[in-house]
Amino acid sequence: MSQSLSPDRIRADVAELLGCEPAEIEPDENLRDLGLDSVRLMTLVERWRAGGADTLELPDLAERPELAHWTALLTGENP
């Protein structure tokens, strides 16, 4: 979806909004269980759209709130 969104940036952005260290987030962990709510989710959508993921929509992230899925979706890479 975007060349400028790296796996490290995606992980760092999520960690920032959750108030934790990037290394603390497991790739397949449900981010809702870590406190990611709809307001934070929308913040990520807007940030990543600005970063080049022009077609990203909230449901793309909400349907499967896992770092591994988001990384694959945004970068085309498998973590």
C-alpha atoms as a PDB file:
ATOM      1  CA  MET A   1       0.000   0.000   0.000  1.00  0.00           C
ATOM      2  CA  SER A   2       2.822   2.403   0.844  1.00  0.00           C
ATOM      3  CA  GLN A   3       6.559   2.329   0.382  1.00  0.00           C
ATOM      4  CA  SER A   4       7.152   4.859   3.180  1.00  0.00           C
ATOM      5  CA  LEU A   5       5.475   2.827   5.904  1.00  0.00           C
ATOM      6  CA  SER A   6       8.053   0.383   7.217  1.00  0.00           C
ATOM      7  CA  PRO A   7       7.322  -2.429   9.678  1.00  0.00           C
ATOM      8  CA  ASP A   8       9.366  -0.536  12.290  1.00  0.00           C
ATOM      9  CA  ARG A   9       7.381   2.657  11.797  1.00  0.00           C
ATOM     10  CA  ILE A  10       4.065   0.812  12.024  1.00  0.00           C
ATOM     11  CA  ARG A  11       5.165  -0.899  15.253  1.00  0.00           C
ATOM     12  CA  ALA A  12       6.476   2.393  16.690  1.00  0.00           C
ATOM     13  CA  ASP A  13       3.271   4.286  15.841  1.00  0.00           C
ATOM     14  CA  VAL A  14       1.117   1.627  17.522  1.00  0.00           C
ATOM     15  CA  ALA A  15       3.375   1.518  20.588  1.00  0.00           C
ATOM     16  CA  GLU A  16       3.290   5.299  20.902  1.00  0.00           C
ATOM     17  CA  LEU A  17      -0.497   5.352  21.045  1.00  0.00           C
ATOM     18  CA  LEU A  18      -0.585   2.438  23.489  1.00  0.00           C
ATOM     19  CA  GLY A  19       2.060   4.005  25.721  1.00  0.00           C
ATOM     20  CA  CYS A  20       4.418   1.038  25.587  1.00  0.00           C
ATOM     21  CA  GLU A  21       7.717   0.033  24.035  1.00  0.00           C
ATOM     22  CA  PRO A  22       7.547  -1.296  20.460  1.00  0.00           C
ATOM     23  CA  ALA A  23       9.183  -4.581  21.513  1.00  0.00           C
ATOM     24  CA  GLU A  24       6.356  -5.234  23.981  1.00  0.00           C
ATOM     25  CA  ILE A  25       3.815  -5.815  21.189  1.00  0.00           C
ATOM     26  CA  GLU A  26       3.555  -9.378  19.916  1.00  0.00           C
ATOM     27  CA  PRO A  27       2.807  -9.647  16.170  1.00  0.00           C
ATOM     28  CA  ASP A  28      -0.381 -11.700  16.635  1.00  0.00           C
ATOM     29  CA  GLU A  29      -1.621 -10.063  19.832  1.00  0.00           C
ATOM     30  CA  ASN A  30      -5.072  -8.476  19.693  1.00  0.00           C
ATOM     31  CA  LEU A  31      -4.364  -4.762  19.963  1.00  0.00           C
ATOM     32  CA  ARG A  32      -7.808  -4.095  21.441  1.00  0.00           C
ATOM     33  CA  ASP A  33      -6.727  -6.171  24.441  1.00  0.00           C
ATOM     34  CA  LEU A  34      -3.789  -3.786  24.864  1.00  0.00           C
ATOM     35  CA  GLY A  35      -6.092  -0.752  24.964  1.00  0.00           C
ATOM     36  CA  LEU A  36      -6.353   0.285  21.325  1.00  0.00           C
ATOM     37  CA  ASP A  37      -9.762   1.936  21.050  1.00  0.00           C
ATOM     38  CA  SER A  38     -11.574   3.428  18.067  1.00  0.00           C
ATOM     39  CA  VAL A  39     -10.180   6.930  18.669  1.00  0.00           C
ATOM     40  CA  ARG A  40      -6.597   5.643  18.615  1.00  0.00           C
ATOM     41  CA  LEU A  41      -7.417   3.481  15.614  1.00  0.00           C
ATOM     42  CA  MET A  42      -8.669   6.500  13.685  1.00  0.00           C
ATOM     43  CA  THR A  43      -5.504   8.386  14.680  1.00  0.00           C
ATOM     44  CA  LEU A  44      -3.442   5.616  13.094  1.00  0.00           C
ATOM     45  CA  VAL A  45      -5.571   5.633   9.939  1.00  0.00           C
ATOM     46  CA  GLU A  46      -5.061   9.385   9.528  1.00  0.00           C
ATOM     47  CA  ARG A  47      -1.330   9.175  10.301  1.00  0.00           C
ATOM     48  CA  TRP A  48      -0.777   6.324   7.855  1.00  0.00           C
ATOM     49  CA  ARG A  49      -2.857   7.974   5.144  1.00  0.00           C
ATOM     50  CA  ALA A  50      -0.592  11.008   5.494  1.00  0.00           C
ATOM     51  CA  GLY A  51       2.347   8.609   5.271  1.00  0.00           C
ATOM     52  CA  GLY A  52       1.234   7.300   1.909  1.00  0.00           C
ATOM     53  CA  ALA A  53      -1.482   4.720   2.580  1.00  0.00           C
ATOM     54  CA  ASP A  54      -4.036   6.788   0.680  1.00  0.00           C
ATOM     55  CA  THR A  55      -6.692   4.091   0.384  1.00  0.00           C
ATOM     56  CA  LEU A  56      -6.542   2.875   4.003  1.00  0.00           C
ATOM     57  CA  GLU A  57      -9.928   2.769   5.728  1.00  0.00           C
ATOM     58  CA  LEU A  58     -10.843   2.165   9.370  1.00  0.00           C
ATOM     59  CA  PRO A  59     -12.423  -1.262   8.704  1.00  0.00           C
ATOM     60  CA  ASP A  60      -9.150  -2.436   7.120  1.00  0.00           C
ATOM     61  CA  LEU A  61      -7.546  -2.213  10.559  1.00  0.00           C
ATOM     62  CA  ALA A  62     -10.559  -2.854  12.786  1.00  0.00           C
ATOM     63  CA  GLU A  63     -11.475  -6.217  11.282  1.00  0.00           C
ATOM     64  CA  ARG A  64      -8.186  -7.771  12.417  1.00  0.00           C
ATOM     65  CA  PRO A  65      -6.389  -5.649  15.043  1.00  0.00           C
ATOM     66  CA  GLU A  66      -3.054  -7.447  14.968  1.00  0.00           C
ATOM     67  CA  LEU A  67       0.331  -5.913  14.229  1.00  0.00           C
ATOM     68  CA  ALA A  68       1.318  -8.713  11.838  1.00  0.00           C
ATOM     69  CA  HIS A  69      -1.840  -8.235   9.759  1.00  0.00           C
ATOM     70  CA  TRP A  70      -1.439  -4.457   9.663  1.00  0.00           C
ATOM     71  CA  THR A  71       2.201  -4.734   8.638  1.00  0.00           C
ATOM     72  CA  ALA A  72       1.332  -7.090   5.775  1.00  0.00           C
ATOM     73  CA  LEU A  73      -1.577  -4.866   4.725  1.00  0.00           C
ATOM     74  CA  LEU A  74       0.422  -1.641   4.752  1.00  0.00           C
ATOM     75  CA  THR A  75       3.760  -2.837   3.406  1.00  0.00           C
ATOM     76  CA  GLY A  76       2.944  -5.975   1.460  1.00  0.00           C
ATOM     77  CA  GLU A  77       5.514  -7.787   3.607  1.00  0.00           C
ATOM     78  CA  ASN A  78       4.988 -10.737   5.881  1.00  0.00           C
ATOM     79  CA  PRO A  79       6.491 -10.016   9.280  1.00  0.00           C
END
